[in-house]
């Protein structure tokens, strides 16, 4: 009796090994997400650095981590509000996702957008909030035109800290510095359409 059991188990193992290719190597799958340089945002300046990295990495999820999950508002420049009609009336975090995803699909394939913040001034306003003010320069190599489009202006942020101690942007006001410059609001309006 034990010999029959051993023979049956042996036969089953042989079929299992042959049919499943257990020892055959397979081709590795490509990663489904882009790289991530996201740093836990333990202070407001790290939120801005994560935004810079999200543009470089073309990483929508990391970009969205920059914004408050509780409430987020964006106020576009007056010029962009005139040019893009009602686009900015209900702008929220999902609007940020839609615009960023659309924008990244138009960036040249082997290129990345470059975001720089200059003259960053962040002042605490309470234990769990700060106000930030900075100039920005965003260079976007658009595939359709094979040129880098520049967007310049000033951003005022209200940062909030959540119960985990991580910071995010609760309110963002975009300000144009020169009437001849295209602003971040213009970019958002264009790719929100």
N, C-alpha and C. Protein backbone atom coordinates (compact mmCIF):
# COMPACT_ATOMS: atom_id res chain seq x y z
N UNK A 1 0.80 -1.21 0.00
CA UNK A 1 0.00 0.00 0.00
C UNK A 1 0.85 1.27 0.00
N UNK A 2 1.88 1.37 0.85
CA UNK A 2 2.67 2.58 0.81
C UNK A 2 3.36 2.79 -0.53
N UNK A 3 3.69 1.69 -1.21
CA UNK A 3 4.36 1.83 -2.48
C UNK A 3 3.42 2.47 -3.52
N UNK A 4 2.12 2.11 -3.53
CA UNK A 4 1.15 2.71 -4.46
C UNK A 4 1.02 4.21 -4.18
N UNK A 5 1.00 4.59 -2.91
CA UNK A 5 0.87 6.00 -2.54
C UNK A 5 2.08 6.78 -3.04
N UNK A 6 3.24 6.23 -2.88
CA UNK A 6 4.47 6.91 -3.31
C UNK A 6 4.46 7.06 -4.83
N UNK A 7 4.05 6.04 -5.57
CA UNK A 7 4.00 6.10 -7.02
C UNK A 7 2.99 7.17 -7.47
N UNK A 8 1.82 7.20 -6.85
CA UNK A 8 0.78 8.18 -7.21
C UNK A 8 1.29 9.60 -6.94
N UNK A 9 1.90 9.82 -5.78
CA UNK A 9 2.43 11.16 -5.44
C UNK A 9 3.53 11.54 -6.42
N UNK A 10 4.38 10.59 -6.76
CA UNK A 10 5.45 10.84 -7.72
C UNK A 10 4.92 11.26 -9.08
N UNK A 11 3.88 10.56 -9.55
CA UNK A 11 3.28 10.88 -10.85
C UNK A 11 2.64 12.26 -10.81
N UNK A 12 1.95 12.56 -9.72
CA UNK A 12 1.30 13.88 -9.59
C UNK A 12 2.35 14.99 -9.58
N UNK A 13 3.44 14.79 -8.90
CA UNK A 13 4.50 15.79 -8.87
C UNK A 13 5.11 16.00 -10.25
N UNK A 14 5.32 14.93 -10.97
CA UNK A 14 5.87 15.04 -12.33
C UNK A 14 4.96 15.85 -13.23
N UNK A 15 3.66 15.54 -13.20
CA UNK A 15 2.71 16.31 -14.02
C UNK A 15 2.68 17.77 -13.59
N UNK A 16 2.73 18.01 -12.28
CA UNK A 16 2.70 19.38 -11.78
C UNK A 16 3.90 20.18 -12.23
N UNK A 17 5.09 19.61 -12.14
CA UNK A 17 6.31 20.31 -12.54
C UNK A 17 6.32 20.55 -14.04
N UNK A 18 5.93 19.58 -14.83
CA UNK A 18 5.95 19.70 -16.28
C UNK A 18 4.90 20.71 -16.75
N UNK A 19 3.72 20.67 -16.19
CA UNK A 19 2.64 21.51 -16.69
C UNK A 19 2.74 22.95 -16.21
N UNK A 20 3.37 23.19 -15.08
CA UNK A 20 3.40 24.55 -14.54
C UNK A 20 4.66 25.32 -14.89
N UNK A 21 5.66 24.66 -15.43
CA UNK A 21 6.93 25.32 -15.70
C UNK A 21 7.45 26.05 -14.46
N UNK A 22 7.43 25.35 -13.34
CA UNK A 22 7.82 25.96 -12.08
C UNK A 22 9.24 26.50 -12.10
N UNK A 23 10.12 25.89 -12.84
CA UNK A 23 11.51 26.28 -12.80
C UNK A 23 11.94 27.11 -14.02
N UNK A 24 10.98 27.52 -14.81
CA UNK A 24 11.28 28.32 -15.98
C UNK A 24 11.25 29.80 -15.59
N UNK A 25 12.25 30.55 -16.03
CA UNK A 25 12.26 31.98 -15.73
C UNK A 25 11.28 32.69 -16.65
N UNK A 26 10.77 33.82 -16.18
CA UNK A 26 9.82 34.59 -16.98
C UNK A 26 10.39 35.99 -17.22
N UNK A 27 9.85 36.65 -18.19
CA UNK A 27 10.25 38.01 -18.50
C UNK A 27 9.69 38.94 -17.42
N UNK A 28 10.53 39.78 -16.83
CA UNK A 28 10.02 40.68 -15.79
C UNK A 28 9.07 41.72 -16.37
N UNK A 29 8.08 42.11 -15.58
CA UNK A 29 7.12 43.12 -16.01
C UNK A 29 7.70 44.50 -15.77
N UNK A 30 7.31 45.43 -16.66
CA UNK A 30 7.70 46.82 -16.49
C UNK A 30 6.95 47.39 -15.29
N UNK A 31 7.56 48.36 -14.57
CA UNK A 31 6.84 48.98 -13.46
C UNK A 31 5.60 49.70 -13.97
N UNK A 32 4.53 49.69 -13.17
CA UNK A 32 3.28 50.34 -13.59
C UNK A 32 3.22 51.80 -13.18
N UNK A 33 4.12 52.22 -12.30
CA UNK A 33 4.12 53.61 -11.87
C UNK A 33 5.49 54.23 -12.10
N UNK A 34 5.50 55.54 -12.25
CA UNK A 34 6.77 56.22 -12.44
C UNK A 34 7.51 56.29 -11.11
N UNK A 35 8.76 56.72 -11.20
CA UNK A 35 9.57 56.77 -10.00
C UNK A 35 9.02 57.80 -9.02
N UNK A 36 9.42 57.65 -7.77
CA UNK A 36 8.91 58.54 -6.75
C UNK A 36 10.05 59.06 -5.89
N UNK A 37 10.15 60.38 -5.83
CA UNK A 37 11.12 61.03 -4.96
C UNK A 37 10.42 61.69 -3.79
N UNK A 38 9.18 61.34 -3.55
CA UNK A 38 8.38 62.02 -2.54
C UNK A 38 8.99 61.89 -1.15
N UNK A 39 9.11 63.02 -0.48
CA UNK A 39 9.64 63.09 0.88
C UNK A 39 8.46 63.37 1.80
N UNK A 40 8.38 62.71 2.97
CA UNK A 40 7.28 63.05 3.89
C UNK A 40 7.30 64.55 4.20
N UNK A 41 6.20 65.26 3.94
CA UNK A 41 6.18 66.72 4.06
C UNK A 41 6.04 67.18 5.52
N UNK A 42 7.14 67.12 6.25
CA UNK A 42 7.14 67.50 7.65
C UNK A 42 7.26 69.00 7.86
N UNK A 43 7.47 69.76 6.79
CA UNK A 43 7.38 71.22 6.84
C UNK A 43 6.94 71.73 5.47
N UNK A 44 6.42 72.96 5.40
CA UNK A 44 5.87 73.47 4.14
C UNK A 44 6.85 73.50 2.97
N UNK A 45 8.13 73.76 3.24
CA UNK A 45 9.09 73.81 2.14
C UNK A 45 9.23 72.44 1.45
N UNK A 46 9.04 71.37 2.19
CA UNK A 46 9.11 70.04 1.58
C UNK A 46 7.92 69.83 0.64
N UNK A 47 6.79 70.43 0.94
CA UNK A 47 5.63 70.35 0.03
C UNK A 47 6.03 70.92 -1.34
N UNK A 48 6.72 72.05 -1.33
CA UNK A 48 7.15 72.68 -2.58
C UNK A 48 8.20 71.82 -3.30
N UNK A 49 9.12 71.22 -2.53
CA UNK A 49 10.11 70.34 -3.15
C UNK A 49 9.43 69.13 -3.78
N UNK A 50 8.41 68.59 -3.13
CA UNK A 50 7.68 67.45 -3.70
C UNK A 50 6.96 67.84 -4.98
N UNK A 51 6.48 69.09 -5.07
CA UNK A 51 5.86 69.56 -6.31
C UNK A 51 6.91 69.60 -7.43
N UNK A 52 8.10 70.11 -7.11
CA UNK A 52 9.18 70.17 -8.09
C UNK A 52 9.49 68.76 -8.61
N UNK A 53 9.62 67.81 -7.67
CA UNK A 53 9.93 66.43 -8.04
C UNK A 53 8.81 65.78 -8.85
N UNK A 54 7.56 66.09 -8.50
CA UNK A 54 6.42 65.51 -9.22
C UNK A 54 6.43 65.96 -10.69
N UNK A 55 6.79 67.22 -10.95
CA UNK A 55 6.90 67.68 -12.34
C UNK A 55 8.04 66.96 -13.04
N UNK A 56 9.17 66.85 -12.38
CA UNK A 56 10.32 66.18 -12.99
C UNK A 56 10.01 64.72 -13.29
N UNK A 57 9.32 64.03 -12.35
CA UNK A 57 9.02 62.60 -12.49
C UNK A 57 7.75 62.32 -13.28
N UNK A 58 6.98 63.38 -13.60
CA UNK A 58 5.67 63.23 -14.26
C UNK A 58 4.77 62.33 -13.42
N UNK A 59 4.74 62.57 -12.12
CA UNK A 59 4.05 61.70 -11.18
C UNK A 59 2.81 62.41 -10.62
N UNK A 60 1.65 62.06 -11.15
CA UNK A 60 0.40 62.70 -10.76
C UNK A 60 0.08 62.49 -9.28
N UNK A 61 0.25 61.28 -8.80
CA UNK A 61 -0.09 61.00 -7.39
C UNK A 61 0.75 61.83 -6.44
N UNK A 62 2.05 61.94 -6.71
CA UNK A 62 2.90 62.76 -5.84
C UNK A 62 2.53 64.23 -5.93
N UNK A 63 2.12 64.68 -7.11
CA UNK A 63 1.67 66.06 -7.26
C UNK A 63 0.44 66.30 -6.38
N UNK A 64 -0.49 65.36 -6.40
CA UNK A 64 -1.73 65.53 -5.64
C UNK A 64 -1.51 65.50 -4.13
N UNK A 65 -0.46 64.81 -3.67
CA UNK A 65 -0.16 64.81 -2.23
C UNK A 65 0.16 66.21 -1.72
N UNK A 66 0.47 67.13 -2.61
CA UNK A 66 0.79 68.49 -2.20
C UNK A 66 -0.45 69.27 -1.72
N UNK A 67 -1.64 68.75 -2.01
CA UNK A 67 -2.86 69.49 -1.73
C UNK A 67 -3.68 68.85 -0.62
N UNK A 68 -4.32 69.68 0.15
CA UNK A 68 -5.12 69.22 1.28
C UNK A 68 -6.28 68.33 0.82
N UNK A 69 -6.48 67.26 1.55
CA UNK A 69 -7.61 66.36 1.27
C UNK A 69 -8.89 66.90 1.89
N UNK A 70 -8.75 67.73 2.91
CA UNK A 70 -9.92 68.28 3.60
C UNK A 70 -10.58 69.35 2.75
N UNK A 71 -9.81 70.35 2.37
CA UNK A 71 -10.34 71.41 1.51
C UNK A 71 -9.18 72.04 0.77
N UNK A 72 -9.38 72.30 -0.50
CA UNK A 72 -8.36 72.96 -1.30
C UNK A 72 -9.04 73.93 -2.24
N UNK A 73 -8.50 75.15 -2.33
CA UNK A 73 -9.02 76.13 -3.27
C UNK A 73 -7.86 76.76 -4.04
N UNK A 74 -8.13 77.09 -5.27
CA UNK A 74 -7.16 77.77 -6.13
C UNK A 74 -7.82 79.00 -6.70
N UNK A 75 -7.13 80.14 -6.60
CA UNK A 75 -7.63 81.37 -7.19
C UNK A 75 -6.70 81.78 -8.32
N UNK A 76 -7.21 81.74 -9.52
CA UNK A 76 -6.43 82.07 -10.72
C UNK A 76 -6.23 83.57 -10.84
N UNK A 77 -5.29 83.95 -11.68
CA UNK A 77 -5.09 85.37 -11.96
C UNK A 77 -6.36 85.94 -12.59
N UNK A 78 -6.55 87.23 -12.46
CA UNK A 78 -7.74 87.87 -13.04
C UNK A 78 -7.76 87.68 -14.55
N UNK A 79 -6.59 87.75 -15.17
CA UNK A 79 -6.49 87.58 -16.62
C UNK A 79 -6.95 86.17 -17.03
N UNK A 80 -6.50 85.16 -16.32
CA UNK A 80 -6.89 83.78 -16.64
C UNK A 80 -8.37 83.56 -16.37
N UNK A 81 -8.91 84.19 -15.34
CA UNK A 81 -10.34 84.07 -15.07
C UNK A 81 -11.15 84.64 -16.22
N UNK A 82 -10.69 85.73 -16.79
CA UNK A 82 -11.37 86.32 -17.95
C UNK A 82 -11.24 85.40 -19.18
N UNK A 83 -10.03 84.88 -19.40
CA UNK A 83 -9.76 84.09 -20.61
C UNK A 83 -10.39 82.70 -20.60
N UNK A 84 -10.57 82.11 -19.44
CA UNK A 84 -11.04 80.73 -19.36
C UNK A 84 -12.43 80.61 -18.74
N UNK A 85 -13.14 81.71 -18.67
CA UNK A 85 -14.54 81.69 -18.24
C UNK A 85 -14.75 81.01 -16.90
N UNK A 86 -15.64 80.04 -16.87
CA UNK A 86 -16.05 79.40 -15.61
C UNK A 86 -15.11 78.28 -15.15
N UNK A 87 -14.01 78.06 -15.88
CA UNK A 87 -13.10 76.97 -15.55
C UNK A 87 -12.66 76.99 -14.09
N UNK A 88 -12.40 78.17 -13.55
CA UNK A 88 -11.84 78.26 -12.21
C UNK A 88 -12.88 78.46 -11.10
N UNK A 89 -14.16 78.50 -11.46
CA UNK A 89 -15.20 78.74 -10.44
C UNK A 89 -15.29 77.61 -9.41
N UNK A 90 -15.09 76.39 -9.83
CA UNK A 90 -15.20 75.25 -8.92
C UNK A 90 -13.90 74.44 -8.88
N UNK A 91 -12.77 75.11 -9.03
CA UNK A 91 -11.47 74.42 -9.07
C UNK A 91 -11.18 73.77 -7.73
N UNK A 92 -10.85 72.48 -7.76
CA UNK A 92 -10.54 71.76 -6.54
C UNK A 92 -9.43 70.74 -6.80
N UNK A 93 -9.23 69.82 -5.87
CA UNK A 93 -8.14 68.85 -6.00
C UNK A 93 -8.32 67.95 -7.23
N UNK A 94 -9.56 67.58 -7.54
CA UNK A 94 -9.78 66.75 -8.73
C UNK A 94 -9.48 67.54 -10.01
N UNK A 95 -9.68 68.85 -9.98
CA UNK A 95 -9.31 69.70 -11.12
C UNK A 95 -7.80 69.69 -11.30
N UNK A 96 -7.07 69.71 -10.18
CA UNK A 96 -5.61 69.63 -10.24
C UNK A 96 -5.18 68.32 -10.89
N UNK A 97 -5.84 67.23 -10.52
CA UNK A 97 -5.50 65.91 -11.10
C UNK A 97 -5.74 65.93 -12.61
N UNK A 98 -6.90 66.43 -13.03
CA UNK A 98 -7.24 66.42 -14.45
C UNK A 98 -6.27 67.26 -15.27
N UNK A 99 -5.97 68.47 -14.78
CA UNK A 99 -5.06 69.35 -15.51
C UNK A 99 -3.66 68.74 -15.57
N UNK A 100 -3.15 68.22 -14.44
CA UNK A 100 -1.79 67.69 -14.39
C UNK A 100 -1.65 66.46 -15.29
N UNK A 101 -2.64 65.58 -15.26
CA UNK A 101 -2.62 64.39 -16.12
C UNK A 101 -2.62 64.79 -17.59
N UNK A 102 -3.47 65.74 -17.95
CA UNK A 102 -3.53 66.21 -19.33
C UNK A 102 -2.20 66.85 -19.73
N UNK A 103 -1.66 67.70 -18.87
CA UNK A 103 -0.40 68.37 -19.17
C UNK A 103 0.72 67.36 -19.39
N UNK A 104 0.84 66.38 -18.50
CA UNK A 104 1.93 65.41 -18.61
C UNK A 104 1.83 64.57 -19.88
N UNK A 105 0.61 64.39 -20.37
CA UNK A 105 0.44 63.63 -21.62
C UNK A 105 0.91 64.43 -22.84
N UNK A 106 1.11 65.74 -22.67
CA UNK A 106 1.56 66.60 -23.77
C UNK A 106 3.03 66.99 -23.66
N UNK A 107 3.71 66.53 -22.62
CA UNK A 107 5.14 66.83 -22.46
C UNK A 107 5.92 65.89 -23.35
N UNK A 108 6.98 66.40 -23.98
CA UNK A 108 7.82 65.56 -24.84
C UNK A 108 8.23 64.30 -24.10
N UNK A 109 8.26 63.19 -24.83
CA UNK A 109 8.44 61.88 -24.21
C UNK A 109 9.68 61.74 -23.36
N UNK A 110 10.82 62.17 -23.80
CA UNK A 110 12.06 62.01 -23.05
C UNK A 110 12.47 63.29 -22.33
N UNK A 111 11.51 64.14 -22.04
CA UNK A 111 11.77 65.41 -21.37
C UNK A 111 10.93 65.49 -20.10
N UNK A 112 11.23 66.50 -19.32
CA UNK A 112 10.45 66.74 -18.10
C UNK A 112 10.26 68.23 -17.93
N UNK A 113 9.15 68.59 -17.31
CA UNK A 113 8.91 69.98 -16.97
C UNK A 113 9.84 70.35 -15.81
N UNK A 114 10.26 71.60 -15.79
CA UNK A 114 11.17 72.08 -14.74
C UNK A 114 10.49 73.19 -13.96
N UNK A 115 10.29 72.96 -12.67
CA UNK A 115 9.66 73.94 -11.80
C UNK A 115 10.70 74.47 -10.82
N UNK A 116 10.74 75.79 -10.68
CA UNK A 116 11.64 76.42 -9.71
C UNK A 116 10.85 77.41 -8.88
N UNK A 117 11.11 77.41 -7.58
CA UNK A 117 10.56 78.41 -6.67
C UNK A 117 11.73 79.27 -6.19
N UNK A 118 11.56 80.60 -6.27
CA UNK A 118 12.59 81.53 -5.82
C UNK A 118 12.04 82.44 -4.74
N UNK A 119 12.93 82.92 -3.89
CA UNK A 119 12.56 83.87 -2.83
C UNK A 119 11.41 83.33 -1.98
N UNK A 120 11.56 82.10 -1.51
CA UNK A 120 10.51 81.48 -0.70
C UNK A 120 10.48 82.12 0.68
N UNK A 121 9.31 82.57 1.07
CA UNK A 121 9.12 83.17 2.39
C UNK A 121 7.93 82.48 3.05
N UNK A 122 8.19 81.70 4.08
CA UNK A 122 7.12 80.99 4.78
C UNK A 122 7.07 81.45 6.23
N UNK A 123 5.88 81.88 6.63
CA UNK A 123 5.68 82.42 7.97
C UNK A 123 4.59 81.63 8.68
N UNK A 124 4.88 81.10 9.88
CA UNK A 124 3.83 80.40 10.64
C UNK A 124 2.73 81.38 11.03
N UNK A 125 1.48 80.95 10.90
CA UNK A 125 0.35 81.79 11.30
C UNK A 125 -0.39 81.19 12.49
N UNK A 126 -0.16 79.92 12.75
CA UNK A 126 -0.72 79.20 13.91
C UNK A 126 0.10 77.92 14.05
N UNK A 127 -0.21 77.12 15.06
CA UNK A 127 0.54 75.88 15.27
C UNK A 127 0.40 74.92 14.10
N UNK A 128 -0.73 74.96 13.42
CA UNK A 128 -0.97 74.02 12.32
C UNK A 128 -1.19 74.69 10.97
N UNK A 129 -0.73 75.94 10.81
CA UNK A 129 -0.86 76.60 9.52
C UNK A 129 0.28 77.60 9.31
N UNK A 130 0.60 77.81 8.04
CA UNK A 130 1.63 78.77 7.64
C UNK A 130 1.22 79.41 6.34
N UNK A 131 1.76 80.60 6.11
CA UNK A 131 1.52 81.28 4.84
C UNK A 131 2.84 81.34 4.10
N UNK A 132 2.81 81.02 2.81
CA UNK A 132 4.00 81.04 1.98
C UNK A 132 3.83 81.96 0.80
N UNK A 133 4.94 82.55 0.40
CA UNK A 133 4.94 83.48 -0.71
C UNK A 133 6.21 83.21 -1.50
N UNK A 134 6.10 82.99 -2.81
CA UNK A 134 7.26 82.66 -3.61
C UNK A 134 7.04 83.00 -5.08
N UNK A 135 8.12 83.34 -5.76
CA UNK A 135 8.08 83.47 -7.21
C UNK A 135 8.27 82.07 -7.79
N UNK A 136 7.68 81.83 -8.95
CA UNK A 136 7.86 80.53 -9.60
C UNK A 136 8.22 80.74 -11.06
N UNK A 137 8.88 79.72 -11.61
CA UNK A 137 9.18 79.66 -13.03
C UNK A 137 8.98 78.20 -13.43
N UNK A 138 8.08 77.97 -14.34
CA UNK A 138 7.75 76.62 -14.78
C UNK A 138 8.01 76.53 -16.28
N UNK A 139 8.97 75.67 -16.66
CA UNK A 139 9.30 75.47 -18.08
C UNK A 139 8.76 74.12 -18.51
N UNK A 140 7.92 74.12 -19.54
CA UNK A 140 7.24 72.89 -19.98
C UNK A 140 7.58 72.62 -21.45
N UNK A 141 8.32 71.53 -21.74
CA UNK A 141 8.62 71.19 -23.13
C UNK A 141 7.44 70.45 -23.76
N UNK A 142 6.60 71.17 -24.46
CA UNK A 142 5.40 70.58 -25.05
C UNK A 142 5.73 69.85 -26.34
N UNK A 143 5.21 68.65 -26.48
CA UNK A 143 5.51 67.80 -27.63
C UNK A 143 4.98 68.38 -28.94
N UNK A 144 3.82 69.01 -28.91
CA UNK A 144 3.18 69.49 -30.12
C UNK A 144 3.99 70.57 -30.82
N UNK A 145 4.65 71.40 -30.05
CA UNK A 145 5.35 72.53 -30.64
C UNK A 145 6.87 72.38 -30.62
N UNK A 146 7.37 71.37 -29.91
CA UNK A 146 8.81 71.16 -29.74
C UNK A 146 9.52 72.39 -29.20
N UNK A 147 8.81 73.16 -28.39
CA UNK A 147 9.43 74.31 -27.73
C UNK A 147 9.10 74.24 -26.24
N UNK A 148 9.94 74.90 -25.48
CA UNK A 148 9.67 74.99 -24.04
C UNK A 148 8.83 76.22 -23.81
N UNK A 149 7.74 76.03 -23.17
CA UNK A 149 6.84 77.13 -22.83
C UNK A 149 7.12 77.53 -21.39
N UNK A 150 7.32 78.80 -21.13
CA UNK A 150 7.63 79.28 -19.78
C UNK A 150 6.42 79.97 -19.14
N UNK A 151 6.25 79.69 -17.86
CA UNK A 151 5.17 80.27 -17.09
C UNK A 151 5.79 80.88 -15.84
N UNK A 152 5.50 82.15 -15.61
CA UNK A 152 6.12 82.86 -14.49
C UNK A 152 5.06 83.59 -13.69
N UNK A 153 5.34 83.76 -12.41
CA UNK A 153 4.44 84.53 -11.57
C UNK A 153 4.82 84.41 -10.11
N UNK A 154 3.86 84.74 -9.28
CA UNK A 154 4.05 84.67 -7.83
C UNK A 154 2.91 83.84 -7.26
N UNK A 155 3.25 82.95 -6.35
CA UNK A 155 2.25 82.10 -5.72
C UNK A 155 2.20 82.41 -4.23
N UNK A 156 0.99 82.55 -3.73
CA UNK A 156 0.78 82.67 -2.28
C UNK A 156 0.03 81.42 -1.84
N UNK A 157 0.59 80.75 -0.86
CA UNK A 157 0.02 79.49 -0.37
C UNK A 157 -0.39 79.62 1.09
N UNK A 158 -1.46 78.95 1.44
CA UNK A 158 -1.78 78.70 2.84
C UNK A 158 -1.55 77.21 3.04
N UNK A 159 -0.60 76.88 3.91
CA UNK A 159 -0.27 75.49 4.22
C UNK A 159 -0.98 75.09 5.50
N UNK A 160 -1.43 73.85 5.56
CA UNK A 160 -2.08 73.32 6.77
C UNK A 160 -1.41 72.00 7.13
N UNK A 161 -1.30 71.76 8.43
CA UNK A 161 -0.74 70.50 8.91
C UNK A 161 -1.89 69.62 9.40
N UNK A 162 -1.89 68.35 8.98
CA UNK A 162 -2.97 67.44 9.39
C UNK A 162 -2.59 66.71 10.68
N UNK A 163 -3.44 65.80 11.12
CA UNK A 163 -3.22 65.09 12.37
C UNK A 163 -1.98 64.20 12.37
N UNK A 164 -1.47 63.85 11.19
CA UNK A 164 -0.26 63.04 11.11
C UNK A 164 1.00 63.90 11.22
N UNK A 165 0.83 65.21 11.16
CA UNK A 165 1.97 66.12 11.20
C UNK A 165 2.48 66.50 9.82
N UNK A 166 1.82 66.04 8.77
CA UNK A 166 2.24 66.35 7.40
C UNK A 166 1.53 67.60 6.89
N UNK A 167 2.27 68.38 6.12
CA UNK A 167 1.77 69.64 5.58
C UNK A 167 1.26 69.46 4.15
N UNK A 168 0.33 70.32 3.77
CA UNK A 168 -0.19 70.36 2.41
C UNK A 168 -0.73 71.76 2.14
N UNK A 169 -1.03 72.02 0.89
CA UNK A 169 -1.55 73.33 0.48
C UNK A 169 -3.07 73.31 0.61
N UNK A 170 -3.60 74.26 1.37
CA UNK A 170 -5.05 74.39 1.52
C UNK A 170 -5.59 75.46 0.57
N UNK A 171 -4.82 76.52 0.36
CA UNK A 171 -5.27 77.61 -0.52
C UNK A 171 -4.08 78.09 -1.35
N UNK A 172 -4.36 78.39 -2.63
CA UNK A 172 -3.31 78.84 -3.54
C UNK A 172 -3.85 80.02 -4.33
N UNK A 173 -3.14 81.13 -4.26
CA UNK A 173 -3.47 82.33 -5.02
C UNK A 173 -2.36 82.56 -6.03
N UNK A 174 -2.71 82.64 -7.32
CA UNK A 174 -1.73 82.86 -8.37
C UNK A 174 -1.76 84.34 -8.75
N UNK A 175 -0.57 84.93 -8.87
CA UNK A 175 -0.46 86.36 -9.16
C UNK A 175 0.49 86.55 -10.34
N UNK A 176 0.05 87.27 -11.34
CA UNK A 176 0.92 87.60 -12.48
C UNK A 176 1.83 88.76 -12.11
N UNK A 177 3.09 88.68 -12.51
CA UNK A 177 4.03 89.76 -12.22
C UNK A 177 4.09 90.77 -13.35
N UNK A 178 4.07 90.29 -14.58
CA UNK A 178 4.09 91.16 -15.76
C UNK A 178 2.94 90.76 -16.68
N UNK A 179 2.32 91.71 -17.29
CA UNK A 179 1.18 91.39 -18.16
C UNK A 179 1.60 90.58 -19.38
N UNK A 180 2.88 90.64 -19.75
CA UNK A 180 3.33 89.88 -20.92
C UNK A 180 3.64 88.42 -20.60
N UNK A 181 3.74 88.07 -19.32
CA UNK A 181 4.07 86.69 -18.93
C UNK A 181 2.84 85.79 -18.92
N UNK A 182 3.05 84.56 -19.35
CA UNK A 182 2.03 83.53 -19.14
C UNK A 182 2.21 83.02 -17.71
N UNK A 183 1.11 82.80 -17.01
CA UNK A 183 1.17 82.36 -15.62
C UNK A 183 0.76 80.90 -15.48
N UNK A 184 0.92 80.38 -14.28
CA UNK A 184 0.50 79.01 -14.00
C UNK A 184 -1.00 78.87 -14.24
N UNK A 185 -1.75 79.92 -13.94
CA UNK A 185 -3.20 79.90 -14.19
C UNK A 185 -3.50 79.69 -15.67
N UNK A 186 -2.71 80.34 -16.54
CA UNK A 186 -2.90 80.17 -17.98
C UNK A 186 -2.65 78.72 -18.38
N UNK A 187 -1.61 78.12 -17.79
CA UNK A 187 -1.30 76.72 -18.08
C UNK A 187 -2.43 75.81 -17.62
N UNK A 188 -2.92 76.04 -16.41
CA UNK A 188 -4.02 75.24 -15.89
C UNK A 188 -5.27 75.39 -16.75
N UNK A 189 -5.57 76.62 -17.12
CA UNK A 189 -6.75 76.85 -17.93
C UNK A 189 -6.67 76.16 -19.28
N UNK A 190 -5.49 76.19 -19.88
CA UNK A 190 -5.29 75.56 -21.19
C UNK A 190 -5.49 74.05 -21.12
N UNK A 191 -4.93 73.40 -20.10
CA UNK A 191 -4.98 71.95 -20.04
C UNK A 191 -6.16 71.42 -19.24
N UNK A 192 -6.98 72.31 -18.70
CA UNK A 192 -8.22 71.87 -18.05
C UNK A 192 -9.34 71.74 -19.07
N UNK A 193 -9.14 72.32 -20.24
CA UNK A 193 -10.17 72.35 -21.28
C UNK A 193 -10.39 70.98 -21.88
